[in-house]
Amino acid sequence: MDLQLSGRVAVVTGASKGIGLAVTRTLLGEGVRVVAASRKSTPELDALTGDLVHVPADLMDPEAPGQIVERAVSEFGGLDILVNNAGGPPPGVALPRFSFMAPTDEDWRVMFEFNLFSVVRAVRAAITPMLARGGGSIVNISSGSARLPAPMNVDYNAAKAGLNNLAKALSEEFAPQGIRVNTVSPGPVRTAWWTESGGAADIIAAQAGTDRDSVIEQVAPEMMKLSTGRLVDPQEIADVVALLASPRSASTTGADFAVDGGFLKQI
């Protein structure tokens, strides 16, 4: 199916690995010109071919989202697609935390800064150039945990719930002007958050008295009641993002898509 994306311009945050890398690769494959933002590049990102510009940016800096969008406009002449993928543990933070009492005021602040406020700033910067092109598509990467409150990672869950609310409000305001806003809510995805040394798998392994590989392959899918019995592959998220970015989804706005292996059981 032709997604009718060739020649469009996209910004993808958190683009150097995991979901963001898969989204960047997929959009490039559809002929999209991509500004890929991350704190630093990776060999995997550098190896991608196509109209790709990497912008080193730290989204904890309030000026960074606007600078990324400005780069897209100056480099490619406008902006059609914004994928707010950067999120998860803020720089230097390890998750999961297992109790409401664990995060401090500062922990809450940086969690919201990274997972919500950076998105607010990116959207604010993107609206004007999108309107100048007659519309666009904004896709926010949230989490199934936004709709399944729990004591584990309570600050992260609350930030993502705020992101879902934001997306719905934006869709109401800007759909009449041609800008669609949707959310993709993954479950646990096989990314560095889980797999790297000191990541979620190691933390859970220490609690469960097992090893990292066992957590990834068995303990986490069972603990999170994943119907598929495995963590989600980043490409499975990227495929949905590409469809939502496409004019093929012209009547889809204000929606939340669970790509979570059956993590969310509620209707």
Protein backbone atom coordinates (compact mmCIF):
# COMPACT_ATOMS: atom_id res chain seq x y z
CA MET A 1 0.00 0.00 0.00
CA ASP A 2 1.32 3.44 -0.95
CA LEU A 3 1.25 5.55 2.21
CA GLN A 4 1.56 8.74 0.14
CA LEU A 5 4.40 9.98 2.33
CA SER A 6 7.10 10.54 -0.27
CA GLY A 7 8.58 14.04 -0.08
CA ARG A 8 7.03 14.92 3.25
CA VAL A 9 9.11 16.27 6.13
CA ALA A 10 9.21 14.68 9.58
CA VAL A 11 10.81 15.31 12.94
CA VAL A 12 11.42 12.24 15.10
CA THR A 13 12.69 12.68 18.66
CA GLY A 14 14.63 9.99 20.50
CA ALA A 15 15.63 8.75 17.06
CA SER A 16 18.99 7.11 17.72
CA LYS A 17 17.77 3.73 18.99
CA GLY A 18 14.76 1.60 19.84
CA ILE A 19 11.36 2.82 18.70
CA GLY A 20 12.69 6.12 17.38
CA LEU A 21 15.29 4.40 15.22
CA ALA A 22 12.64 2.04 13.82
CA VAL A 23 10.32 4.98 13.08
CA THR A 24 13.11 6.90 11.38
CA ARG A 25 14.10 3.91 9.26
CA THR A 26 10.47 3.26 8.27
CA LEU A 27 9.73 6.86 7.30
CA LEU A 28 12.92 7.06 5.25
CA GLY A 29 11.83 3.90 3.47
CA GLU A 30 8.60 5.68 2.53
CA GLY A 31 10.51 8.59 1.02
CA VAL A 32 10.10 10.97 3.94
CA ARG A 33 12.77 13.59 4.65
CA VAL A 34 13.60 13.12 8.33
CA VAL A 35 15.17 15.30 11.00
CA ALA A 36 16.24 12.80 13.64
CA ALA A 37 16.84 14.28 17.08
CA SER A 38 18.70 12.63 19.95
CA ARG A 39 21.39 13.53 22.46
CA LYS A 40 23.93 11.72 20.31
CA SER A 41 23.90 9.61 17.19
CA THR A 42 24.53 5.87 16.98
CA PRO A 43 26.13 3.63 14.36
CA GLU A 44 22.67 2.30 13.53
CA LEU A 45 21.32 5.79 12.87
CA ASP A 46 24.41 6.80 10.92
CA ALA A 47 23.98 3.74 8.70
CA LEU A 48 20.53 4.80 7.48
CA THR A 49 20.25 6.16 3.96
CA GLY A 50 17.94 8.78 2.54
CA ASP A 51 17.18 12.43 3.25
CA LEU A 52 18.26 12.32 6.88
CA VAL A 53 19.63 15.04 9.15
CA HIS A 54 20.67 14.30 12.71
CA VAL A 55 20.24 17.10 15.24
CA PRO A 56 22.03 16.56 18.56
CA ALA A 57 19.60 17.81 21.19
CA ASP A 58 18.83 17.32 24.87
CA LEU A 59 15.09 17.62 25.38
CA MET A 60 15.64 18.53 29.01
CA ASP A 61 16.69 21.90 27.56
CA PRO A 62 13.51 23.98 27.10
CA GLU A 63 14.95 25.54 23.94
CA ALA A 64 15.72 22.22 22.23
CA PRO A 65 12.28 21.29 20.80
CA GLY A 66 11.93 24.61 19.04
CA GLN A 67 15.46 24.40 17.67
CA ILE A 68 14.77 20.94 16.23
CA VAL A 69 11.65 22.14 14.44
CA GLU A 70 13.49 25.21 13.16
CA ARG A 71 16.15 22.91 11.70
CA ALA A 72 13.51 20.92 9.82
CA VAL A 73 12.07 24.08 8.34
CA SER A 74 15.45 25.50 7.36
CA GLU A 75 16.75 22.19 5.98
CA PHE A 76 13.68 20.92 4.14
CA GLY A 77 11.37 23.92 3.83
CA GLY A 78 8.60 22.97 6.22
CA LEU A 79 7.15 20.31 8.49
CA ASP A 80 4.41 17.73 7.91
CA ILE A 81 4.98 15.08 10.59
CA LEU A 82 6.06 15.25 14.23
CA VAL A 83 6.75 12.03 16.11
CA ASN A 84 7.24 12.73 19.81
CA ASN A 85 8.99 9.51 20.65
CA ALA A 86 11.58 10.58 23.25
CA GLY A 87 10.48 9.50 26.70
CA GLY A 88 10.93 6.91 29.38
CA PRO A 89 13.57 7.33 32.08
CA PRO A 90 15.05 10.83 31.96
CA PRO A 91 18.83 11.01 31.46
CA GLY A 92 20.59 9.40 34.41
CA VAL A 93 17.42 7.80 35.83
CA ALA A 94 16.93 4.04 36.15
CA LEU A 95 13.45 2.47 36.16
CA PRO A 96 11.45 0.70 37.43
CA ARG A 97 10.74 2.16 40.84
CA PHE A 98 8.40 0.03 42.91
CA SER A 99 6.56 2.46 45.22
CA PHE A 100 4.93 5.88 45.30
CA MET A 101 7.34 6.73 48.13
CA ALA A 102 10.41 6.17 45.96
CA PRO A 103 10.47 9.24 43.67
CA THR A 104 11.30 12.63 45.19
CA ASP A 105 9.93 16.01 44.13
CA GLU A 106 12.93 16.35 41.81
CA ASP A 107 12.27 12.91 40.35
CA TRP A 108 8.71 13.96 39.57
CA ARG A 109 9.89 17.22 38.03
CA VAL A 110 12.40 15.66 35.65
CA MET A 111 9.98 12.88 34.72
CA PHE A 112 7.36 15.37 33.63
CA GLU A 113 9.98 17.57 31.97
CA PHE A 114 11.13 14.73 29.76
CA ASN A 115 7.87 12.89 29.09
CA LEU A 116 5.34 15.73 28.93
CA PHE A 117 6.76 19.25 28.87
CA SER A 118 9.22 18.52 26.05
CA VAL A 119 6.25 17.32 23.97
CA VAL A 120 4.28 20.46 24.80
CA ARG A 121 7.19 22.56 23.53
CA ALA A 122 7.69 20.47 20.39
CA VAL A 123 4.01 20.69 19.47
CA ARG A 124 3.94 24.42 20.15
CA ALA A 125 6.87 24.86 17.77
CA ALA A 126 5.40 22.54 15.12
CA ILE A 127 1.89 24.01 14.84
CA THR A 128 2.82 27.13 12.86
CA PRO A 129 4.91 25.44 10.14
CA MET A 130 2.32 22.66 9.84
CA LEU A 131 -0.48 25.18 9.36
CA ALA A 132 1.62 26.89 6.71
CA ARG A 133 1.63 23.58 4.76
CA GLY A 134 -2.12 23.11 5.17
CA GLY A 135 -1.94 20.61 8.02
CA GLY A 136 0.04 17.67 9.28
CA SER A 137 0.19 14.71 11.60
CA ILE A 138 1.46 14.56 15.18
CA VAL A 139 2.03 11.15 16.74
CA ASN A 140 2.88 10.93 20.43
CA ILE A 141 4.42 7.77 21.86
CA SER A 142 2.75 7.18 25.21
CA SER A 143 2.46 3.95 27.23
CA GLY A 144 -0.16 1.40 28.16
CA SER A 145 0.69 2.31 31.76
CA ALA A 146 -1.02 5.66 31.23
CA ARG A 147 -4.33 3.78 31.38
CA LEU A 148 -3.30 1.17 33.91
CA PRO A 149 -2.27 3.06 37.07
CA ALA A 150 0.00 1.15 39.43
CA PRO A 151 2.47 1.89 42.23
CA MET A 152 5.39 0.89 39.98
CA ASN A 153 6.71 3.92 38.05
CA VAL A 154 3.86 6.07 39.32
CA ASP A 155 5.51 9.32 38.19
CA TYR A 156 6.12 7.98 34.67
CA ASN A 157 2.56 6.66 34.42
CA ALA A 158 1.13 10.02 35.49
CA ALA A 159 3.24 11.90 32.94
CA LYS A 160 2.06 9.61 30.14
CA ALA A 161 -1.56 9.98 31.26
CA GLY A 162 -1.07 13.73 30.92
CA LEU A 163 0.33 13.14 27.42
CA ASN A 164 -2.80 11.23 26.42
CA ASN A 165 -5.00 14.04 27.70
CA LEU A 166 -2.90 16.59 25.83
CA ALA A 167 -3.19 14.68 22.55
CA LYS A 168 -6.98 14.53 22.83
CA ALA A 169 -7.21 18.25 23.54
CA LEU A 170 -4.90 19.10 20.62
CA SER A 171 -6.93 16.92 18.27
CA GLU A 172 -10.08 18.82 19.19
CA GLU A 173 -8.53 22.22 18.58
CA PHE A 174 -6.51 21.63 15.44
CA ALA A 175 -8.36 18.96 13.42
CA PRO A 176 -10.51 21.63 11.73
CA GLN A 177 -7.24 23.23 10.55
CA GLY A 178 -5.88 19.99 9.13
CA ILE A 179 -3.59 18.83 11.93
CA ARG A 180 -4.30 15.35 13.24
CA VAL A 181 -2.99 14.26 16.66
CA ASN A 182 -2.89 10.62 17.74
CA THR A 183 -1.20 8.51 20.37
CA VAL A 184 0.48 5.12 20.20
CA SER A 185 0.68 3.30 23.52
CA PRO A 186 3.21 0.48 23.60
CA GLY A 187 3.51 -2.14 26.25
CA PRO A 188 7.00 -3.32 27.17
CA VAL A 189 9.18 -2.99 24.07
CA ARG A 190 12.46 -4.79 23.51
CA THR A 191 14.63 -1.67 23.63
CA ALA A 192 17.70 -0.51 25.55
CA TRP A 193 15.41 0.53 28.42
CA TRP A 194 15.00 -3.18 29.06
CA THR A 195 18.12 -4.76 27.62
CA GLU A 196 21.06 -2.51 28.49
CA SER A 197 23.22 -3.06 31.58
CA GLY A 198 21.47 -1.57 34.60
CA GLY A 199 18.18 -1.34 32.72
CA ALA A 200 14.73 -2.57 33.67
CA ALA A 201 15.55 -6.25 33.10
CA ASP A 202 18.53 -6.07 35.46
CA ILE A 203 16.52 -4.24 38.12
CA ILE A 204 13.67 -6.74 37.95
CA ALA A 205 16.14 -9.64 37.88
CA ALA A 206 17.67 -8.42 41.14
CA GLN A 207 14.21 -8.30 42.73
CA ALA A 208 13.17 -11.69 41.36
CA GLY A 209 16.45 -13.51 41.97
CA THR A 210 17.00 -14.37 38.33
CA ASP A 211 18.98 -13.08 35.34
CA ARG A 212 18.42 -10.48 32.62
CA ASP A 213 17.68 -12.92 29.80
CA SER A 214 15.11 -14.78 31.88
CA VAL A 215 13.36 -11.51 32.70
CA ILE A 216 13.17 -10.49 29.04
CA GLU A 217 12.08 -13.87 27.72
CA GLN A 218 9.80 -15.11 30.51
CA VAL A 219 9.51 -13.13 33.75
CA ALA A 220 8.45 -9.79 32.26
CA PRO A 221 5.90 -11.22 29.79
CA GLU A 222 4.35 -13.25 32.60
CA MET A 223 4.48 -10.42 35.14
CA MET A 224 2.82 -8.01 32.68
CA LYS A 225 0.36 -10.65 31.45
CA LEU A 226 1.27 -10.21 27.80
CA SER A 227 -1.11 -12.25 25.67
CA THR A 228 1.54 -12.75 23.01
CA GLY A 229 4.05 -14.05 25.56
CA ARG A 230 6.83 -11.72 24.39
CA LEU A 231 7.99 -8.12 24.47
CA VAL A 232 6.94 -5.90 21.58
CA ASP A 233 9.37 -5.38 18.69
CA PRO A 234 10.13 -1.68 17.93
CA GLN A 235 9.24 -2.19 14.26
CA GLU A 236 5.70 -3.10 15.29
CA ILE A 237 5.36 0.37 16.80
CA ALA A 238 6.97 2.04 13.80
CA ASP A 239 4.52 0.47 11.37
CA VAL A 240 1.55 1.98 13.22
CA VAL A 241 3.28 5.37 13.47
CA ALA A 242 3.87 5.41 9.70
CA LEU A 243 0.20 4.68 9.01
CA LEU A 244 -0.92 7.44 11.38
CA ALA A 245 1.50 9.86 9.72
CA SER A 246 0.03 9.02 6.34
CA PRO A 247 -2.87 10.74 4.54
CA ARG A 248 -4.34 7.22 4.46
CA SER A 249 -5.36 7.99 8.08
CA ALA A 250 -7.00 11.29 7.18
CA SER A 251 -10.05 10.68 9.40
CA THR A 252 -8.10 9.32 12.36
CA THR A 253 -7.45 11.88 15.08
CA GLY A 254 -7.71 11.93 18.85
CA ALA A 255 -7.20 8.16 18.94
CA ASP A 256 -4.95 6.02 21.12
CA PHE A 257 -3.56 2.82 19.59
CA ALA A 258 -2.40 0.05 21.92
CA VAL A 259 0.52 -1.89 20.44
CA ASP A 260 1.28 -3.81 23.59
CA GLY A 261 1.13 -7.56 23.15
CA GLY A 262 -2.17 -7.65 25.04
CA PHE A 263 -0.88 -5.76 28.09
CA LEU A 264 -3.96 -3.57 28.44
CA LYS A 265 -6.98 -5.74 29.23
CA GLN A 266 -9.57 -3.02 29.80
CA ILE A 267 -12.16 -2.09 27.19
